[in-house]
Amino acid sequence: MMIKYFKIFVLIVFQISLVQSSAFALNKNDCKSPSFYIKNINVDFTKKSIIEARSLAEQKARELAFTRLLLRLTLKKNNLPVNSKILQLVDFLKINSEANSNTRYIANFDVCFNRDLVINYFHENKLQYAESYKKPISVLPIFMPKRFYFMG
């Protein structure tokens, strides 16, 4: 009888740990290239239906994110028209928060762009860009005896 309850307890703990580990894994590395990850795009649309408002909000979030990406990576300000090809450069949209009614949609998005497609787009349009990398650094403390502090 005790073994039966123990097995049930172990099964429940295992399932809880599995769900939590998969949830944490989703937030760990949202986008592979941090230079191509645009955060906190706020949109607010009111239309006849919530479906239309949400669709326009997602499209506007992609456009705003691409404009911010251009400002981040290109060397000079470019006024490129936003078309369907640019909207296809997006890997995914992450919804941080959203609120809606029957006609209004308000959301905060994070947008991840596909690095290879964006770089190809820059080459096709002859845009000069600069990509930034963050390398991990290690700081090693050096301990010195007191006699080295007084050079007198």
C-alpha atoms as a PDB file:
ATOM      1  CA  MET A   1       0.000   0.000   0.000  1.00  0.00           C
ATOM      2  CA  MET A   2       2.784   2.394   0.918  1.00  0.00           C
ATOM      3  CA  ILE A   3       4.689   1.520  -2.255  1.00  0.00           C
ATOM      4  CA  LYS A   4       1.629   2.387  -4.351  1.00  0.00           C
ATOM      5  CA  TYR A   5       1.396   5.876  -2.812  1.00  0.00           C
ATOM      6  CA  PHE A   6       5.136   6.342  -3.183  1.00  0.00           C
ATOM      7  CA  LYS A   7       4.916   5.492  -6.910  1.00  0.00           C
ATOM      8  CA  ILE A   8       2.063   7.978  -7.360  1.00  0.00           C
ATOM      9  CA  PHE A   9       4.045  10.649  -5.486  1.00  0.00           C
ATOM     10  CA  VAL A  10       7.151  10.054  -7.628  1.00  0.00           C
ATOM     11  CA  LEU A  11       5.046  10.187 -10.807  1.00  0.00           C
ATOM     12  CA  ILE A  12       3.456  13.515  -9.785  1.00  0.00           C
ATOM     13  CA  VAL A  13       6.831  15.048  -8.872  1.00  0.00           C
ATOM     14  CA  PHE A  14       8.306  13.866 -12.174  1.00  0.00           C
ATOM     15  CA  GLN A  15       5.441  15.383 -14.184  1.00  0.00           C
ATOM     16  CA  ILE A  16       5.692  18.696 -12.338  1.00  0.00           C
ATOM     17  CA  SER A  17       9.454  18.869 -12.906  1.00  0.00           C
ATOM     18  CA  LEU A  18       8.998  17.999 -16.577  1.00  0.00           C
ATOM     19  CA  VAL A  19       6.445  20.784 -17.088  1.00  0.00           C
ATOM     20  CA  GLN A  20       8.589  23.339 -15.254  1.00  0.00           C
ATOM     21  CA  SER A  21      11.772  22.434 -17.106  1.00  0.00           C
ATOM     22  CA  SER A  22      10.061  22.759 -20.487  1.00  0.00           C
ATOM     23  CA  ALA A  23       8.542  26.110 -19.457  1.00  0.00           C
ATOM     24  CA  PHE A  24      11.945  27.444 -18.388  1.00  0.00           C
ATOM     25  CA  ALA A  25      13.549  26.160 -21.573  1.00  0.00           C
ATOM     26  CA  LEU A  26      11.183  28.260 -23.676  1.00  0.00           C
ATOM     27  CA  ASN A  27      12.306  31.465 -21.962  1.00  0.00           C
ATOM     28  CA  LYS A  28      16.005  30.668 -21.824  1.00  0.00           C
ATOM     29  CA  ASN A  29      17.006  31.492 -25.404  1.00  0.00           C
ATOM     30  CA  ASP A  30      14.155  33.131 -27.242  1.00  0.00           C
ATOM     31  CA  CYS A  31      16.172  34.193 -30.243  1.00  0.00           C
ATOM     32  CA  LYS A  32      19.507  32.744 -31.350  1.00  0.00           C
ATOM     33  CA  SER A  33      20.961  36.116 -32.388  1.00  0.00           C
ATOM     34  CA  PRO A  34      20.438  38.830 -29.763  1.00  0.00           C
ATOM     35  CA  SER A  35      21.229  41.550 -32.310  1.00  0.00           C
ATOM     36  CA  PHE A  36      18.182  40.474 -34.301  1.00  0.00           C
ATOM     37  CA  TYR A  37      15.825  40.325 -31.303  1.00  0.00           C
ATOM     38  CA  ILE A  38      13.682  43.441 -30.869  1.00  0.00           C
ATOM     39  CA  LYS A  39      11.888  43.773 -27.539  1.00  0.00           C
ATOM     40  CA  ASN A  40       8.899  45.776 -26.297  1.00  0.00           C
ATOM     41  CA  ILE A  41       6.941  46.728 -29.392  1.00  0.00           C
ATOM     42  CA  ASN A  42       3.651  48.266 -28.204  1.00  0.00           C
ATOM     43  CA  VAL A  43       0.636  48.318 -30.524  1.00  0.00           C
ATOM     44  CA  ASP A  44      -2.977  49.433 -30.099  1.00  0.00           C
ATOM     45  CA  PHE A  45      -5.618  48.973 -32.817  1.00  0.00           C
ATOM     46  CA  THR A  46      -9.372  49.458 -32.942  1.00  0.00           C
ATOM     47  CA  LYS A  47     -11.269  47.949 -35.887  1.00  0.00           C
ATOM     48  CA  LYS A  48     -14.692  46.450 -36.635  1.00  0.00           C
ATOM     49  CA  SER A  49     -13.642  43.008 -35.400  1.00  0.00           C
ATOM     50  CA  ILE A  50     -11.019  41.708 -33.007  1.00  0.00           C
ATOM     51  CA  ILE A  51      -9.588  39.434 -35.722  1.00  0.00           C
ATOM     52  CA  GLU A  52      -8.917  42.385 -38.015  1.00  0.00           C
ATOM     53  CA  ALA A  53      -7.463  44.450 -35.151  1.00  0.00           C
ATOM     54  CA  ARG A  54      -5.141  41.632 -34.085  1.00  0.00           C
ATOM     55  CA  SER A  55      -3.966  41.009 -37.637  1.00  0.00           C
ATOM     56  CA  LEU A  56      -3.155  44.693 -38.140  1.00  0.00           C
ATOM     57  CA  ALA A  57      -1.441  44.855 -34.743  1.00  0.00           C
ATOM     58  CA  GLU A  58       0.847  41.942 -35.610  1.00  0.00           C
ATOM     59  CA  GLN A  59       1.670  43.483 -38.981  1.00  0.00           C
ATOM     60  CA  LYS A  60       2.413  46.855 -37.360  1.00  0.00           C
ATOM     61  CA  ALA A  61       4.610  45.164 -34.736  1.00  0.00           C
ATOM     62  CA  ARG A  62       6.674  43.558 -37.508  1.00  0.00           C
ATOM     63  CA  GLU A  63       7.013  46.911 -39.289  1.00  0.00           C
ATOM     64  CA  LEU A  64       8.046  48.789 -36.135  1.00  0.00           C
ATOM     65  CA  ALA A  65      10.489  46.040 -35.224  1.00  0.00           C
ATOM     66  CA  PHE A  66      12.070  46.129 -38.673  1.00  0.00           C
ATOM     67  CA  THR A  67      12.450  49.901 -38.460  1.00  0.00           C
ATOM     68  CA  ARG A  68      14.133  49.507 -35.075  1.00  0.00           C
ATOM     69  CA  LEU A  69      16.344  46.736 -36.472  1.00  0.00           C
ATOM     70  CA  LEU A  70      17.454  49.028 -39.311  1.00  0.00           C
ATOM     71  CA  LEU A  71      18.318  51.755 -36.802  1.00  0.00           C
ATOM     72  CA  ARG A  72      20.267  49.250 -34.733  1.00  0.00           C
ATOM     73  CA  LEU A  73      22.284  47.538 -37.469  1.00  0.00           C
ATOM     74  CA  THR A  74      22.661  49.865 -40.436  1.00  0.00           C
ATOM     75  CA  LEU A  75      25.192  52.631 -40.588  1.00  0.00           C
ATOM     76  CA  LYS A  76      22.934  55.372 -41.942  1.00  0.00           C
ATOM     77  CA  LYS A  77      19.217  56.054 -41.787  1.00  0.00           C
ATOM     78  CA  ASN A  78      17.357  54.241 -44.550  1.00  0.00           C
ATOM     79  CA  ASN A  79      13.811  54.866 -45.667  1.00  0.00           C
ATOM     80  CA  LEU A  80      12.952  51.515 -47.171  1.00  0.00           C
ATOM     81  CA  PRO A  81       9.322  50.770 -47.990  1.00  0.00           C
ATOM     82  CA  VAL A  82       7.840  48.045 -45.816  1.00  0.00           C
ATOM     83  CA  ASN A  83       6.465  45.276 -47.994  1.00  0.00           C
ATOM     84  CA  SER A  84       5.491  41.646 -47.668  1.00  0.00           C
ATOM     85  CA  LYS A  85       9.091  40.509 -48.252  1.00  0.00           C
ATOM     86  CA  ILE A  86      10.242  42.394 -45.151  1.00  0.00           C
ATOM     87  CA  LEU A  87       7.454  40.866 -43.094  1.00  0.00           C
ATOM     88  CA  GLN A  88       8.710  37.400 -44.086  1.00  0.00           C
ATOM     89  CA  LEU A  89      12.070  38.064 -42.430  1.00  0.00           C
ATOM     90  CA  VAL A  90      10.469  37.518 -39.019  1.00  0.00           C
ATOM     91  CA  ASP A  91      11.154  34.179 -37.336  1.00  0.00           C
ATOM     92  CA  PHE A  92       8.508  34.592 -34.668  1.00  0.00           C
ATOM     93  CA  LEU A  93       6.463  37.047 -32.624  1.00  0.00           C
ATOM     94  CA  LYS A  94       6.372  36.636 -28.875  1.00  0.00           C
ATOM     95  CA  ILE A  95       3.360  38.139 -27.109  1.00  0.00           C
ATOM     96  CA  ASN A  96       4.427  39.516 -23.737  1.00  0.00           C
ATOM     97  CA  SER A  97       1.019  40.889 -22.821  1.00  0.00           C
ATOM     98  CA  GLU A  98      -2.252  41.447 -24.575  1.00  0.00           C
ATOM     99  CA  ALA A  99      -5.700  42.822 -23.846  1.00  0.00           C
ATOM    100  CA  ASN A 100      -8.715  42.929 -26.101  1.00  0.00           C
ATOM    101  CA  SER A 101     -12.381  43.739 -26.400  1.00  0.00           C
ATOM    102  CA  ASN A 102     -14.764  43.110 -29.285  1.00  0.00           C
ATOM    103  CA  THR A 103     -13.152  45.796 -31.420  1.00  0.00           C
ATOM    104  CA  ARG A 104      -9.843  46.783 -29.765  1.00  0.00           C
ATOM    105  CA  TYR A 105      -6.544  44.927 -29.444  1.00  0.00           C
ATOM    106  CA  ILE A 106      -3.615  46.114 -27.309  1.00  0.00           C
ATOM    107  CA  ALA A 107      -0.393  44.102 -27.084  1.00  0.00           C
ATOM    108  CA  ASN A 108       3.304  44.145 -26.312  1.00  0.00           C
ATOM    109  CA  PHE A 109       5.453  42.018 -28.634  1.00  0.00           C
ATOM    110  CA  ASP A 110       9.027  40.804 -28.912  1.00  0.00           C
ATOM    111  CA  VAL A 111      10.101  40.111 -32.486  1.00  0.00           C
ATOM    112  CA  CYS A 112      12.856  37.730 -33.556  1.00  0.00           C
ATOM    113  CA  PHE A 113      14.238  38.125 -37.066  1.00  0.00           C
ATOM    114  CA  ASN A 114      15.912  35.367 -39.043  1.00  0.00           C
ATOM    115  CA  ARG A 115      19.562  36.444 -39.132  1.00  0.00           C
ATOM    116  CA  ASP A 116      20.423  34.836 -42.480  1.00  0.00           C
ATOM    117  CA  LEU A 117      17.385  36.233 -44.278  1.00  0.00           C
ATOM    118  CA  VAL A 118      18.006  39.747 -42.924  1.00  0.00           C
ATOM    119  CA  ILE A 119      21.671  39.687 -43.962  1.00  0.00           C
ATOM    120  CA  ASN A 120      20.669  38.504 -47.452  1.00  0.00           C
ATOM    121  CA  TYR A 121      18.124  41.340 -47.572  1.00  0.00           C
ATOM    122  CA  PHE A 122      20.853  43.836 -46.622  1.00  0.00           C
ATOM    123  CA  HIS A 123      23.129  42.493 -49.383  1.00  0.00           C
ATOM    124  CA  GLU A 124      20.331  42.615 -51.990  1.00  0.00           C
ATOM    125  CA  ASN A 125      19.555  46.247 -51.122  1.00  0.00           C
ATOM    126  CA  LYS A 126      23.235  47.193 -50.787  1.00  0.00           C
ATOM    127  CA  LEU A 127      22.888  48.271 -47.169  1.00  0.00           C
ATOM    128  CA  GLN A 128      25.975  48.483 -45.033  1.00  0.00           C
ATOM    129  CA  TYR A 129      25.402  46.984 -41.624  1.00  0.00           C
ATOM    130  CA  ALA A 130      27.332  46.322 -38.454  1.00  0.00           C
ATOM    131  CA  GLU A 131      26.485  43.373 -36.268  1.00  0.00           C
ATOM    132  CA  SER A 132      27.403  43.309 -32.605  1.00  0.00           C
ATOM    133  CA  TYR A 133      28.458  40.263 -30.662  1.00  0.00           C
ATOM    134  CA  LYS A 134      28.582  39.731 -26.943  1.00  0.00           C
ATOM    135  CA  LYS A 135      31.244  37.287 -25.878  1.00  0.00           C
ATOM    136  CA  PRO A 136      31.278  35.926 -22.362  1.00  0.00           C
ATOM    137  CA  ILE A 137      34.149  37.161 -20.262  1.00  0.00           C
ATOM    138  CA  SER A 138      35.748  35.732 -17.169  1.00  0.00           C
ATOM    139  CA  VAL A 139      37.001  37.830 -14.293  1.00  0.00           C
ATOM    140  CA  LEU A 140      39.658  36.207 -12.178  1.00  0.00           C
ATOM    141  CA  PRO A 141      40.447  37.825  -8.846  1.00  0.00           C
ATOM    142  CA  ILE A 142      44.118  38.201  -7.958  1.00  0.00           C
ATOM    143  CA  PHE A 143      44.937  38.170  -4.294  1.00  0.00           C
ATOM    144  CA  MET A 144      48.134  39.867  -3.226  1.00  0.00           C
ATOM    145  CA  PRO A 145      49.725  39.932   0.207  1.00  0.00           C
ATOM    146  CA  LYS A 146      49.683  43.179   2.177  1.00  0.00           C
ATOM    147  CA  ARG A 147      53.367  43.935   1.604  1.00  0.00           C
ATOM    148  CA  PHE A 148      52.681  44.764  -2.056  1.00  0.00           C
ATOM    149  CA  TYR A 149      50.258  47.523  -1.145  1.00  0.00           C
ATOM    150  CA  PHE A 150      52.926  49.688   0.520  1.00  0.00           C
ATOM    151  CA  MET A 151      55.683  50.597  -1.846  1.00  0.00           C
ATOM    152  CA  GLY A 152      57.634  52.771   0.491  1.00  0.00           C
END
